[in-house]
Amino acid sequence: MKLPHLAVGLTLALAVGSATANPRFQYDVEPAANGAFDITLARSGGDTAYWCAASEYAQGELNASTSDRIYTWGRTSNGAVRFALTAPSAGPVQSLSVSIDTVGNSLSVVSAYQYCLDVLIGA
């Protein structure tokens, strides 16, 4: 079952005086095997939009702590980006990039969430 989400939660949106989230960051999440999850953006967005969505899902649905790491597992056959809280079998990679296409790339949950905040401040 696909779970629709908005990348800016109601609590956070209310904190800045608006109950309307940026529709650019709407996304769907499809749980996958072994705790992985697939994210599809409702509208086009850059790599940071995927990291934002992955962070929100990891915190809200998987109860991840802010220090947990989110890893990219690549793209699925339908174009979604697969993420997990565990490194893929190829292992993590050392990267300064936020590319979602680099399998094994990772960010901490809190670092990925910073991209959600960028939407609120217009960065």
PDB file of N, CA and C in Angstrom:
ATOM      1  N   MET A   1       0.848  -1.178   0.000  1.00  0.00           N
ATOM      2  CA  MET A   1       0.000   0.000   0.000  1.00  0.00           C
ATOM      3  C   MET A   1       0.892   1.239   0.000  1.00  0.00           C
ATOM      4  N   LYS A   2       0.612   2.152  -0.891  1.00  0.00           N
ATOM      5  CA  LYS A   2       1.363   3.393  -0.936  1.00  0.00           C
ATOM      6  C   LYS A   2       0.860   4.340   0.129  1.00  0.00           C
ATOM      7  N   LEU A   3       1.787   5.018   0.773  1.00  0.00           N
ATOM      8  CA  LEU A   3       1.455   5.963   1.819  1.00  0.00           C
ATOM      9  C   LEU A   3       1.781   7.363   1.343  1.00  0.00           C
ATOM     10  N   PRO A   4       0.778   8.239   1.155  1.00  0.00           N
ATOM     11  CA  PRO A   4       1.086   9.602   0.719  1.00  0.00           C
ATOM     12  C   PRO A   4       1.641  10.419   1.882  1.00  0.00           C
ATOM     13  N   HIS A   5       2.577  11.286   1.587  1.00  0.00           N
ATOM     14  CA  HIS A   5       3.203  12.113   2.613  1.00  0.00           C
ATOM     15  C   HIS A   5       3.432  13.512   2.078  1.00  0.00           C
ATOM     16  N   LEU A   6       3.570  14.418   2.953  1.00  0.00           N
ATOM     17  CA  LEU A   6       4.031  15.767   2.617  1.00  0.00           C
ATOM     18  C   LEU A   6       5.342  15.962   3.345  1.00  0.00           C
ATOM     19  N   ALA A   7       6.309  16.529   2.673  1.00  0.00           N
ATOM     20  CA  ALA A   7       7.639  16.643   3.242  1.00  0.00           C
ATOM     21  C   ALA A   7       7.740  17.675   4.349  1.00  0.00           C
ATOM     22  N   VAL A   8       6.758  18.485   4.510  1.00  0.00           N
ATOM     23  CA  VAL A   8       6.760  19.438   5.610  1.00  0.00           C
ATOM     24  C   VAL A   8       5.568  19.090   6.479  1.00  0.00           C
ATOM     25  N   GLY A   9       5.819  18.572   7.675  1.00  0.00           N
ATOM     26  CA  GLY A   9       4.745  18.139   8.554  1.00  0.00           C
ATOM     27  C   GLY A   9       3.886  19.289   9.027  1.00  0.00           C
ATOM     28  N   LEU A  10       2.657  18.963   9.429  1.00  0.00           N
ATOM     29  CA  LEU A  10       1.711  19.980   9.872  1.00  0.00           C
ATOM     30  C   LEU A  10       2.260  20.772  11.046  1.00  0.00           C
ATOM     31  N   THR A  11       2.892  20.098  11.989  1.00  0.00           N
ATOM     32  CA  THR A  11       3.440  20.815  13.138  1.00  0.00           C
ATOM     33  C   THR A  11       4.472  21.832  12.698  1.00  0.00           C
ATOM     34  N   LEU A  12       5.365  21.422  11.818  1.00  0.00           N
ATOM     35  CA  LEU A  12       6.394  22.325  11.346  1.00  0.00           C
ATOM     36  C   LEU A  12       5.792  23.447  10.520  1.00  0.00           C
ATOM     37  N   ALA A  13       4.791  23.141   9.709  1.00  0.00           N
ATOM     38  CA  ALA A  13       4.147  24.160   8.896  1.00  0.00           C
ATOM     39  C   ALA A  13       3.437  25.184   9.790  1.00  0.00           C
ATOM     40  N   LEU A  14       2.794  24.712  10.834  1.00  0.00           N
ATOM     41  CA  LEU A  14       2.114  25.627  11.742  1.00  0.00           C
ATOM     42  C   LEU A  14       3.111  26.512  12.484  1.00  0.00           C
ATOM     43  N   ALA A  15       4.307  25.976  12.704  1.00  0.00           N
ATOM     44  CA  ALA A  15       5.315  26.755  13.421  1.00  0.00           C
ATOM     45  C   ALA A  15       5.727  28.005  12.647  1.00  0.00           C
ATOM     46  N   VAL A  16       5.577  27.979  11.345  1.00  0.00           N
ATOM     47  CA  VAL A  16       5.931  29.161  10.564  1.00  0.00           C
ATOM     48  C   VAL A  16       4.689  29.912  10.111  1.00  0.00           C
ATOM     49  N   GLY A  17       3.530  29.562  10.663  1.00  0.00           N
ATOM     50  CA  GLY A  17       2.314  30.318  10.433  1.00  0.00           C
ATOM     51  C   GLY A  17       1.498  29.914   9.232  1.00  0.00           C
ATOM     52  N   SER A  18       1.771  28.749   8.658  1.00  0.00           N
ATOM     53  CA  SER A  18       1.007  28.310   7.497  1.00  0.00           C
ATOM     54  C   SER A  18       0.717  26.827   7.607  1.00  0.00           C
ATOM     55  N   ALA A  19      -0.510  26.442   7.312  1.00  0.00           N
ATOM     56  CA  ALA A  19      -0.883  25.032   7.329  1.00  0.00           C
ATOM     57  C   ALA A  19      -0.730  24.424   5.949  1.00  0.00           C
ATOM     58  N   THR A  20      -0.276  25.172   4.990  1.00  0.00           N
ATOM     59  CA  THR A  20      -0.116  24.667   3.630  1.00  0.00           C
ATOM     60  C   THR A  20       1.343  24.347   3.378  1.00  0.00           C
ATOM     61  N   ALA A  21       1.616  23.103   3.078  1.00  0.00           N
ATOM     62  CA  ALA A  21       2.987  22.693   2.777  1.00  0.00           C
ATOM     63  C   ALA A  21       3.274  22.926   1.301  1.00  0.00           C
ATOM     64  N   ASN A  22       4.540  22.992   0.959  1.00  0.00           N
ATOM     65  CA  ASN A  22       4.952  23.184  -0.418  1.00  0.00           C
ATOM     66  C   ASN A  22       4.603  21.930  -1.215  1.00  0.00           C
ATOM     67  N   PRO A  23       3.695  22.009  -2.185  1.00  0.00           N
ATOM     68  CA  PRO A  23       3.289  20.814  -2.927  1.00  0.00           C
ATOM     69  C   PRO A  23       4.405  20.219  -3.767  1.00  0.00           C
ATOM     70  N   ARG A  24       5.475  20.949  -3.972  1.00  0.00           N
ATOM     71  CA  ARG A  24       6.618  20.428  -4.722  1.00  0.00           C
ATOM     72  C   ARG A  24       7.215  19.210  -4.031  1.00  0.00           C
ATOM     73  N   PHE A  25       7.023  19.078  -2.747  1.00  0.00           N
ATOM     74  CA  PHE A  25       7.629  17.991  -1.995  1.00  0.00           C
ATOM     75  C   PHE A  25       6.639  16.900  -1.608  1.00  0.00           C
ATOM     76  N   GLN A  26       5.542  16.752  -2.330  1.00  0.00           N
ATOM     77  CA  GLN A  26       4.651  15.630  -2.069  1.00  0.00           C
ATOM     78  C   GLN A  26       5.308  14.359  -2.591  1.00  0.00           C
ATOM     79  N   TYR A  27       5.128  13.276  -1.862  1.00  0.00           N
ATOM     80  CA  TYR A  27       5.747  12.027  -2.267  1.00  0.00           C
ATOM     81  C   TYR A  27       4.929  10.831  -1.799  1.00  0.00           C
ATOM     82  N   ASP A  28       5.201   9.686  -2.403  1.00  0.00           N
ATOM     83  CA  ASP A  28       4.605   8.413  -2.012  1.00  0.00           C
ATOM     84  C   ASP A  28       5.715   7.501  -1.536  1.00  0.00           C
ATOM     85  N   VAL A  29       5.386   6.674  -0.549  1.00  0.00           N
ATOM     86  CA  VAL A  29       6.343   5.701  -0.029  1.00  0.00           C
ATOM     87  C   VAL A  29       5.732   4.314  -0.140  1.00  0.00           C
ATOM     88  N   GLU A  30       6.511   3.407  -0.656  1.00  0.00           N
ATOM     89  CA  GLU A  30       6.118   2.003  -0.751  1.00  0.00           C
ATOM     90  C   GLU A  30       7.115   1.197   0.071  1.00  0.00           C
ATOM     91  N   PRO A  31       6.674   0.596   1.195  1.00  0.00           N
ATOM     92  CA  PRO A  31       7.591  -0.241   1.964  1.00  0.00           C
ATOM     93  C   PRO A  31       8.103  -1.401   1.101  1.00  0.00           C
ATOM     94  N   ALA A  32       9.369  -1.748   1.269  1.00  0.00           N
ATOM     95  CA  ALA A  32       9.988  -2.842   0.515  1.00  0.00           C
ATOM     96  C   ALA A  32      10.521  -3.873   1.513  1.00  0.00           C
ATOM     97  N   ALA A  33      11.139  -4.910   1.011  1.00  0.00           N
ATOM     98  CA  ALA A  33      11.655  -5.985   1.856  1.00  0.00           C
ATOM     99  C   ALA A  33      12.790  -5.504   2.746  1.00  0.00           C
ATOM    100  N   ASN A  34      12.955  -6.170   3.863  1.00  0.00           N
ATOM    101  CA  ASN A  34      14.072  -5.951   4.784  1.00  0.00           C
ATOM    102  C   ASN A  34      14.192  -4.522   5.294  1.00  0.00           C
ATOM    103  N   GLY A  35      13.068  -3.849   5.503  1.00  0.00           N
ATOM    104  CA  GLY A  35      13.081  -2.511   6.069  1.00  0.00           C
ATOM    105  C   GLY A  35      13.395  -1.400   5.085  1.00  0.00           C
ATOM    106  N   ALA A  36      13.604  -1.739   3.828  1.00  0.00           N
ATOM    107  CA  ALA A  36      13.849  -0.720   2.811  1.00  0.00           C
ATOM    108  C   ALA A  36      12.520  -0.064   2.438  1.00  0.00           C
ATOM    109  N   PHE A  37      12.594   1.087   1.788  1.00  0.00           N
ATOM    110  CA  PHE A  37      11.389   1.779   1.348  1.00  0.00           C
ATOM    111  C   PHE A  37      11.688   2.549   0.075  1.00  0.00           C
ATOM    112  N   ASP A  38      10.679   2.599  -0.794  1.00  0.00           N
ATOM    113  CA  ASP A  38      10.814   3.239  -2.099  1.00  0.00           C
ATOM    114  C   ASP A  38      10.064   4.562  -2.106  1.00  0.00           C
ATOM    115  N   ILE A  39      10.713   5.596  -2.582  1.00  0.00           N
ATOM    116  CA  ILE A  39      10.106   6.926  -2.615  1.00  0.00           C
ATOM    117  C   ILE A  39       9.942   7.378  -4.056  1.00  0.00           C
ATOM    118  N   THR A  40       8.732   7.836  -4.354  1.00  0.00           N
ATOM    119  CA  THR A  40       8.419   8.433  -5.645  1.00  0.00           C
ATOM    120  C   THR A  40       7.889   9.826  -5.371  1.00  0.00           C
ATOM    121  N   LEU A  41       8.461  10.816  -6.029  1.00  0.00           N
ATOM    122  CA  LEU A  41       7.964  12.180  -5.876  1.00  0.00           C
ATOM    123  C   LEU A  41       6.732  12.363  -6.744  1.00  0.00           C
ATOM    124  N   ALA A  42       5.735  13.080  -6.217  1.00  0.00           N
ATOM    125  CA  ALA A  42       4.523  13.368  -6.976  1.00  0.00           C
ATOM    126  C   ALA A  42       4.829  14.344  -8.110  1.00  0.00           C
ATOM    127  N   ARG A  43       5.793  15.189  -7.931  1.00  0.00           N
ATOM    128  CA  ARG A  43       6.260  16.129  -8.952  1.00  0.00           C
ATOM    129  C   ARG A  43       7.772  16.038  -9.006  1.00  0.00           C
ATOM    130  N   SER A  44       8.332  16.519 -10.078  1.00  0.00           N
ATOM    131  CA  SER A  44       9.782  16.443 -10.206  1.00  0.00           C
ATOM    132  C   SER A  44      10.448  17.242  -9.089  1.00  0.00           C
ATOM    133  N   GLY A  45      11.574  16.765  -8.678  1.00  0.00           N
ATOM    134  CA  GLY A  45      12.341  17.429  -7.637  1.00  0.00           C
ATOM    135  C   GLY A  45      13.764  16.924  -7.678  1.00  0.00           C
ATOM    136  N   GLY A  46      14.647  17.649  -7.095  1.00  0.00           N
ATOM    137  CA  GLY A  46      16.044  17.245  -7.093  1.00  0.00           C
ATOM    138  C   GLY A  46      16.329  16.174  -6.060  1.00  0.00           C
ATOM    139  N   ASP A  47      17.583  15.784  -6.016  1.00  0.00           N
ATOM    140  CA  ASP A  47      18.005  14.756  -5.066  1.00  0.00           C
ATOM    141  C   ASP A  47      17.669  15.121  -3.631  1.00  0.00           C
ATOM    142  N   THR A  48      17.760  16.399  -3.297  1.00  0.00           N
ATOM    143  CA  THR A  48      17.494  16.809  -1.916  1.00  0.00           C
ATOM    144  C   THR A  48      16.039  16.570  -1.523  1.00  0.00           C
ATOM    145  N   ALA A  49      15.113  16.617  -2.471  1.00  0.00           N
ATOM    146  CA  ALA A  49      13.704  16.327  -2.165  1.00  0.00           C
ATOM    147  C   ALA A  49      13.551  14.865  -1.731  1.00  0.00           C
ATOM    148  N   TYR A  50      14.294  13.968  -2.362  1.00  0.00           N
ATOM    149  CA  TYR A  50      14.248  12.553  -1.971  1.00  0.00           C
ATOM    150  C   TYR A  50      14.826  12.352  -0.572  1.00  0.00           C
ATOM    151  N   TRP A  51      15.939  13.030  -0.278  1.00  0.00           N
ATOM    152  CA  TRP A  51      16.537  12.909   1.060  1.00  0.00           C
ATOM    153  C   TRP A  51      15.577  13.427   2.130  1.00  0.00           C
ATOM    154  N   CYS A  52      14.917  14.535   1.830  1.00  0.00           N
ATOM    155  CA  CYS A  52      13.933  15.089   2.757  1.00  0.00           C
ATOM    156  C   CYS A  52      12.840  14.057   3.037  1.00  0.00           C
ATOM    157  N   ALA A  53      12.284  13.502   1.973  1.00  0.00           N
ATOM    158  CA  ALA A  53      11.215  12.509   2.114  1.00  0.00           C
ATOM    159  C   ALA A  53      11.692  11.280   2.881  1.00  0.00           C
ATOM    160  N   ALA A  54      12.900  10.820   2.576  1.00  0.00           N
ATOM    161  CA  ALA A  54      13.448   9.651   3.271  1.00  0.00           C
ATOM    162  C   ALA A  54      13.605   9.926   4.756  1.00  0.00           C
ATOM    163  N   SER A  55      14.032  11.120   5.099  1.00  0.00           N
ATOM    164  CA  SER A  55      14.193  11.490   6.502  1.00  0.00           C
ATOM    165  C   SER A  55      12.853  11.496   7.233  1.00  0.00           C
ATOM    166  N   GLU A  56      11.859  12.116   6.615  1.00  0.00           N
ATOM    167  CA  GLU A  56      10.542  12.156   7.254  1.00  0.00           C
ATOM    168  C   GLU A  56       9.967  10.760   7.450  1.00  0.00           C
ATOM    169  N   TYR A  57      10.095   9.912   6.450  1.00  0.00           N
ATOM    170  CA  TYR A  57       9.572   8.554   6.563  1.00  0.00           C
ATOM    171  C   TYR A  57      10.345   7.770   7.631  1.00  0.00           C
ATOM    172  N   ALA A  58      11.666   7.897   7.627  1.00  0.00           N
ATOM    173  CA  ALA A  58      12.481   7.173   8.599  1.00  0.00           C
ATOM    174  C   ALA A  58      12.124   7.571  10.028  1.00  0.00           C
ATOM    175  N   GLN A  59      11.912   8.866  10.257  1.00  0.00           N
ATOM    176  CA  GLN A  59      11.559   9.325  11.605  1.00  0.00           C
ATOM    177  C   GLN A  59      10.118   8.958  11.965  1.00  0.00           C
ATOM    178  N   GLY A  60       9.202   9.220  11.047  1.00  0.00           N
ATOM    179  CA  GLY A  60       7.784   9.059  11.350  1.00  0.00           C
ATOM    180  C   GLY A  60       7.278   7.639  11.345  1.00  0.00           C
ATOM    181  N   GLU A  61       7.791   6.816  10.441  1.00  0.00           N
ATOM    182  CA  GLU A  61       7.267   5.453  10.301  1.00  0.00           C
ATOM    183  C   GLU A  61       8.197   4.377  10.835  1.00  0.00           C
ATOM    184  N   LEU A  62       9.499   4.633  10.791  1.00  0.00           N
ATOM    185  CA  LEU A  62      10.469   3.624  11.230  1.00  0.00           C
ATOM    186  C   LEU A  62      11.075   3.951  12.587  1.00  0.00           C
ATOM    187  N   ASN A  63      10.646   5.060  13.179  1.00  0.00           N
ATOM    188  CA  ASN A  63      11.145   5.498  14.488  1.00  0.00           C
ATOM    189  C   ASN A  63      12.665   5.623  14.536  1.00  0.00           C
ATOM    190  N   ALA A  64      13.243   6.072  13.448  1.00  0.00           N
ATOM    191  CA  ALA A  64      14.695   6.262  13.404  1.00  0.00           C
ATOM    192  C   ALA A  64      15.082   7.450  14.277  1.00  0.00           C
ATOM    193  N   SER A  65      16.250   7.359  14.870  1.00  0.00           N
ATOM    194  CA  SER A  65      16.762   8.491  15.650  1.00  0.00           C
ATOM    195  C   SER A  65      17.461   9.448  14.688  1.00  0.00           C
ATOM    196  N   THR A  66      17.694  10.654  15.138  1.00  0.00           N
ATOM    197  CA  THR A  66      18.321  11.650  14.282  1.00  0.00           C
ATOM    198  C   THR A  66      19.747  11.265  13.902  1.00  0.00           C
ATOM    199  N   SER A  67      20.388  10.421  14.685  1.00  0.00           N
ATOM    200  CA  SER A  67      21.761  10.016  14.371  1.00  0.00           C
ATOM    201  C   SER A  67      21.832   8.788  13.466  1.00  0.00           C
ATOM    202  N   ASP A  68      20.708   8.092  13.242  1.00  0.00           N
ATOM    203  CA  ASP A  68      20.705   6.951  12.322  1.00  0.00           C
ATOM    204  C   ASP A  68      21.057   7.432  10.925  1.00  0.00           C
ATOM    205  N   ARG A  69      21.599   6.533  10.121  1.00  0.00           N
ATOM    206  CA  ARG A  69      21.952   6.874   8.745  1.00  0.00           C
ATOM    207  C   ARG A  69      20.934   6.272   7.779  1.00  0.00           C
ATOM    208  N   ILE A  70      20.673   7.028   6.726  1.00  0.00           N
ATOM    209  CA  ILE A  70      19.802   6.587   5.637  1.00  0.00           C
ATOM    210  C   ILE A  70      20.721   6.327   4.445  1.00  0.00           C
ATOM    211  N   TYR A  71      20.576   5.145   3.821  1.00  0.00           N
ATOM    212  CA  TYR A  71      21.420   4.753   2.696  1.00  0.00           C
ATOM    213  C   TYR A  71      20.598   4.651   1.417  1.00  0.00           C
ATOM    214  N   THR A  72      21.222   5.024   0.304  1.00  0.00           N
ATOM    215  CA  THR A  72      20.589   4.822  -0.996  1.00  0.00           C
ATOM    216  C   THR A  72      20.888   3.404  -1.465  1.00  0.00           C
ATOM    217  N   TRP A  73      19.873   2.799  -2.069  1.00  0.00           N
ATOM    218  CA  TRP A  73      20.023   1.453  -2.616  1.00  0.00           C
ATOM    219  C   TRP A  73      19.844   1.450  -4.129  1.00  0.00           C
ATOM    220  N   GLY A  74      19.660   2.616  -4.733  1.00  0.00           N
ATOM    221  CA  GLY A  74      19.489   2.690  -6.178  1.00  0.00           C
ATOM    222  C   GLY A  74      18.039   2.923  -6.567  1.00  0.00           C
ATOM    223  N   ARG A  75      17.792   2.860  -7.841  1.00  0.00           N
ATOM    224  CA  ARG A  75      16.439   3.074  -8.373  1.00  0.00           C
ATOM    225  C   ARG A  75      15.768   1.728  -8.628  1.00  0.00           C
ATOM    226  N   THR A  76      14.462   1.715  -8.456  1.00  0.00           N
ATOM    227  CA  THR A  76      13.683   0.518  -8.735  1.00  0.00           C
ATOM    228  C   THR A  76      13.277   0.524 -10.208  1.00  0.00           C
ATOM    229  N   SER A  77      12.675  -0.552 -10.645  1.00  0.00           N
ATOM    230  CA  SER A  77      12.270  -0.656 -12.054  1.00  0.00           C
ATOM    231  C   SER A  77      11.214   0.376 -12.437  1.00  0.00           C
ATOM    232  N   ASN A  78      10.456   0.868 -11.457  1.00  0.00           N
ATOM    233  CA  ASN A  78       9.428   1.878 -11.772  1.00  0.00           C
ATOM    234  C   ASN A  78       9.932   3.314 -11.553  1.00  0.00           C
ATOM    235  N   GLY A  79      11.239   3.476 -11.300  1.00  0.00           N
ATOM    236  CA  GLY A  79      11.818   4.805 -11.182  1.00  0.00           C
ATOM    237  C   GLY A  79      11.862   5.371  -9.781  1.00  0.00           C
ATOM    238  N   ALA A  80      11.311   4.665  -8.806  1.00  0.00           N
ATOM    239  CA  ALA A  80      11.380   5.124  -7.418  1.00  0.00           C
ATOM    240  C   ALA A  80      12.827   4.997  -6.929  1.00  0.00           C
ATOM    241  N   VAL A  81      13.148   5.714  -5.877  1.00  0.00           N
ATOM    242  CA  VAL A  81      14.463   5.598  -5.254  1.00  0.00           C
ATOM    243  C   VAL A  81      14.311   4.788  -3.981  1.00  0.00           C
ATOM    244  N   ARG A  82      15.116   3.747  -3.855  1.00  0.00           N
ATOM    245  CA  ARG A  82      15.062   2.881  -2.675  1.00  0.00           C
ATOM    246  C   ARG A  82      16.071   3.352  -1.642  1.00  0.00           C
ATOM    247  N   PHE A  83      15.581   3.454  -0.409  1.00  0.00           N
ATOM    248  CA  PHE A  83      16.396   3.831   0.745  1.00  0.00           C
ATOM    249  C   PHE A  83      16.236   2.771   1.832  1.00  0.00           C
ATOM    250  N   ALA A  84      17.167   2.731   2.762  1.00  0.00           N
ATOM    251  CA  ALA A  84      17.061   1.857   3.938  1.00  0.00           C
ATOM    252  C   ALA A  84      17.941   2.438   5.037  1.00  0.00           C
ATOM    253  N   LEU A  85      17.707   1.951   6.247  1.00  0.00           N
ATOM    254  CA  LEU A  85      18.526   2.363   7.385  1.00  0.00           C
ATOM    255  C   LEU A  85      19.750   1.472   7.536  1.00  0.00           C
ATOM    256  N   THR A  86      19.936   0.541   6.613  1.00  0.00           N
ATOM    257  CA  THR A  86      21.114  -0.318   6.594  1.00  0.00           C
ATOM    258  C   THR A  86      21.806  -0.148   5.245  1.00  0.00           C
ATOM    259  N   ALA A  87      23.112  -0.318   5.238  1.00  0.00           N
ATOM    260  CA  ALA A  87      23.878  -0.175   3.999  1.00  0.00           C
ATOM    261  C   ALA A  87      23.553  -1.331   3.055  1.00  0.00           C
ATOM    262  N   PRO A  88      23.586  -1.083   1.746  1.00  0.00           N
ATOM    263  CA  PRO A  88      23.376  -2.174   0.796  1.00  0.00           C
ATOM    264  C   PRO A  88      24.534  -3.163   0.864  1.00  0.00           C
ATOM    265  N   SER A  89      24.366  -4.324   0.245  1.00  0.00           N
ATOM    266  CA  SER A  89      25.389  -5.373   0.331  1.00  0.00           C
ATOM    267  C   SER A  89      26.745  -4.922  -0.198  1.00  0.00           C
ATOM    268  N   ALA A  90      26.757  -3.977  -1.133  1.00  0.00           N
ATOM    269  CA  ALA A  90      28.028  -3.459  -1.650  1.00  0.00           C
ATOM    270  C   ALA A  90      28.744  -2.597  -0.611  1.00  0.00           C
ATOM    271  N   GLY A  91      28.026  -2.219   0.429  1.00  0.00           N
ATOM    272  CA  GLY A  91      28.605  -1.428   1.504  1.00  0.00           C
ATOM    273  C   GLY A  91      28.413   0.063   1.291  1.00  0.00           C
ATOM    274  N   PRO A  92      28.668   0.851   2.337  1.00  0.00           N
ATOM    275  CA  PRO A  92      28.535   2.304   2.222  1.00  0.00           C
ATOM    276  C   PRO A  92      29.682   2.880   1.400  1.00  0.00           C
ATOM    277  N   VAL A  93      29.460   4.063   0.867  1.00  0.00           N
ATOM    278  CA  VAL A  93      30.517   4.760   0.141  1.00  0.00           C
ATOM    279  C   VAL A  93      30.835   6.061   0.861  1.00  0.00           C
ATOM    280  N   GLN A  94      32.049   6.508   0.696  1.00  0.00           N
ATOM    281  CA  GLN A  94      32.448   7.803   1.230  1.00  0.00           C
ATOM    282  C   GLN A  94      32.197   8.831   0.137  1.00  0.00           C
ATOM    283  N   SER A  95      31.321   9.763   0.391  1.00  0.00           N
ATOM    284  CA  SER A  95      30.979  10.733  -0.639  1.00  0.00           C
ATOM    285  C   SER A  95      30.612  12.061   0.005  1.00  0.00           C
ATOM    286  N   LEU A  96      30.968  13.133  -0.654  1.00  0.00           N
ATOM    287  CA  LEU A  96      30.548  14.462  -0.217  1.00  0.00           C
ATOM    288  C   LEU A  96      29.315  14.897  -0.991  1.00  0.00           C
ATOM    289  N   SER A  97      28.827  14.037  -1.854  1.00  0.00           N
ATOM    290  CA  SER A  97      27.681  14.319  -2.707  1.00  0.00           C
ATOM    291  C   SER A  97      26.393  13.888  -2.015  1.00  0.00           C
ATOM    292  N   VAL A  98      25.281  14.482  -2.432  1.00  0.00           N
ATOM    293  CA  VAL A  98      23.970  14.029  -1.954  1.00  0.00           C
ATOM    294  C   VAL A  98      23.248  13.250  -3.050  1.00  0.00           C
ATOM    295  N   SER A  99      24.012  12.713  -3.997  1.00  0.00           N
ATOM    296  CA  SER A  99      23.422  11.986  -5.121  1.00  0.00           C
ATOM    297  C   SER A  99      22.614  10.788  -4.641  1.00  0.00           C
ATOM    298  N   ILE A 100      21.408  10.669  -5.178  1.00  0.00           N
ATOM    299  CA  ILE A 100      20.572   9.503  -4.863  1.00  0.00           C
ATOM    300  C   ILE A 100      20.908   8.335  -5.775  1.00  0.00           C
ATOM    301  N   ASP A 101      21.711   8.574  -6.802  1.00  0.00           N
ATOM    302  CA  ASP A 101      22.060   7.520  -7.756  1.00  0.00           C
ATOM    303  C   ASP A 101      23.356   6.812  -7.398  1.00  0.00           C
ATOM    304  N   THR A 102      24.020   7.236  -6.345  1.00  0.00           N
ATOM    305  CA  THR A 102      25.224   6.565  -5.874  1.00  0.00           C
ATOM    306  C   THR A 102      24.809   5.548  -4.821  1.00  0.00           C
ATOM    307  N   VAL A 103      24.801   4.271  -5.197  1.00  0.00           N
ATOM    308  CA  VAL A 103      24.384   3.216  -4.272  1.00  0.00           C
ATOM    309  C   VAL A 103      25.345   3.172  -3.095  1.00  0.00           C
ATOM    310  N   GLY A 104      24.783   3.214  -1.894  1.00  0.00           N
ATOM    311  CA  GLY A 104      25.586   3.204  -0.673  1.00  0.00           C
ATOM    312  C   GLY A 104      25.846   4.589  -0.113  1.00  0.00           C
ATOM    313  N   ASN A 105      25.448   5.620  -0.841  1.00  0.00           N
ATOM    314  CA  ASN A 105      25.576   6.979  -0.326  1.00  0.00           C
ATOM    315  C   ASN A 105      24.687   7.110   0.910  1.00  0.00           C
ATOM    316  N   SER A 106      25.056   7.939   1.855  1.00  0.00           N
ATOM    317  CA  SER A 106      24.244   8.042   3.065  1.00  0.00           C
ATOM    318  C   SER A 106      24.314   9.424   3.673  1.00  0.00           C
ATOM    319  N   LEU A 107      23.278   9.733   4.417  1.00  0.00           N
ATOM    320  CA  LEU A 107      23.206  10.934   5.246  1.00  0.00           C
ATOM    321  C   LEU A 107      22.592  10.522   6.574  1.00  0.00           C
ATOM    322  N   SER A 108      22.930  11.243   7.627  1.00  0.00           N
ATOM    323  CA  SER A 108      22.228  11.008   8.883  1.00  0.00           C
ATOM    324  C   SER A 108      20.789  11.498   8.710  1.00  0.00           C
ATOM    325  N   VAL A 109      19.897  11.002   9.517  1.00  0.00           N
ATOM    326  CA  VAL A 109      18.496  11.415   9.452  1.00  0.00           C
ATOM    327  C   VAL A 109      18.384  12.926   9.623  1.00  0.00           C
ATOM    328  N   VAL A 110      19.118  13.480  10.566  1.00  0.00           N
ATOM    329  CA  VAL A 110      19.033  14.920  10.820  1.00  0.00           C
ATOM    330  C   VAL A 110      19.603  15.725   9.653  1.00  0.00           C
ATOM    331  N   SER A 111      20.667  15.243   9.034  1.00  0.00           N
ATOM    332  CA  SER A 111      21.226  15.950   7.879  1.00  0.00           C
ATOM    333  C   SER A 111      20.260  15.928   6.700  1.00  0.00           C
ATOM    334  N   ALA A 112      19.635  14.792   6.466  1.00  0.00           N
ATOM    335  CA  ALA A 112      18.657  14.688   5.379  1.00  0.00           C
ATOM    336  C   ALA A 112      17.457  15.585   5.643  1.00  0.00           C
ATOM    337  N   TYR A 113      17.066  15.692   6.905  1.00  0.00           N
ATOM    338  CA  TYR A 113      15.911  16.521   7.253  1.00  0.00           C
ATOM    339  C   TYR A 113      16.169  18.005   7.005  1.00  0.00           C
ATOM    340  N   GLN A 114      17.419  18.419   7.033  1.00  0.00           N
ATOM    341  CA  GLN A 114      17.739  19.826   6.773  1.00  0.00           C
ATOM    342  C   GLN A 114      17.222  20.264   5.403  1.00  0.00           C
ATOM    343  N   TYR A 115      17.129  19.327   4.463  1.00  0.00           N
ATOM    344  CA  TYR A 115      16.606  19.675   3.141  1.00  0.00           C
ATOM    345  C   TYR A 115      15.105  19.968   3.197  1.00  0.00           C
ATOM    346  N   CYS A 116      14.402  19.430   4.164  1.00  0.00           N
ATOM    347  CA  CYS A 116      12.991  19.785   4.361  1.00  0.00           C
ATOM    348  C   CYS A 116      12.890  21.228   4.840  1.00  0.00           C
ATOM    349  N   LEU A 117      13.790  21.620   5.718  1.00  0.00           N
ATOM    350  CA  LEU A 117      13.771  22.973   6.261  1.00  0.00           C
ATOM    351  C   LEU A 117      14.115  24.006   5.199  1.00  0.00           C
ATOM    352  N   ASP A 118      14.934  23.616   4.231  1.00  0.00           N
ATOM    353  CA  ASP A 118      15.271  24.537   3.143  1.00  0.00           C
ATOM    354  C   ASP A 118      14.017  25.018   2.416  1.00  0.00           C
ATOM    355  N   VAL A 119      13.019  24.167   2.329  1.00  0.00           N
ATOM    356  CA  VAL A 119      11.767  24.545   1.668  1.00  0.00           C
ATOM    357  C   VAL A 119      11.076  25.675   2.424  1.00  0.00           C
ATOM    358  N   LEU A 120      11.113  25.575   3.750  1.00  0.00           N
ATOM    359  CA  LEU A 120      10.428  26.569   4.569  1.00  0.00           C
ATOM    360  C   LEU A 120      11.089  27.936   4.516  1.00  0.00           C
ATOM    361  N   ILE A 121      12.415  27.950   4.404  1.00  0.00           N
ATOM    362  CA  ILE A 121      13.093  29.235   4.401  1.00  0.00           C
ATOM    363  C   ILE A 121      13.394  29.728   2.989  1.00  0.00           C
ATOM    364  N   GLY A 122      13.022  28.926   2.004  1.00  0.00           N
ATOM    365  CA  GLY A 122      13.191  29.345   0.617  1.00  0.00           C
ATOM    366  C   GLY A 122      14.602  29.256   0.097  1.00  0.00           C
ATOM    367  N   ALA A 123      15.396  28.374   0.693  1.00  0.00           N
ATOM    368  CA  ALA A 123      16.804  28.218   0.241  1.00  0.00           C
ATOM    369  C   ALA A 123      16.879  27.454  -1.054  1.00  0.00           C
TER     370      ALA A 123
END
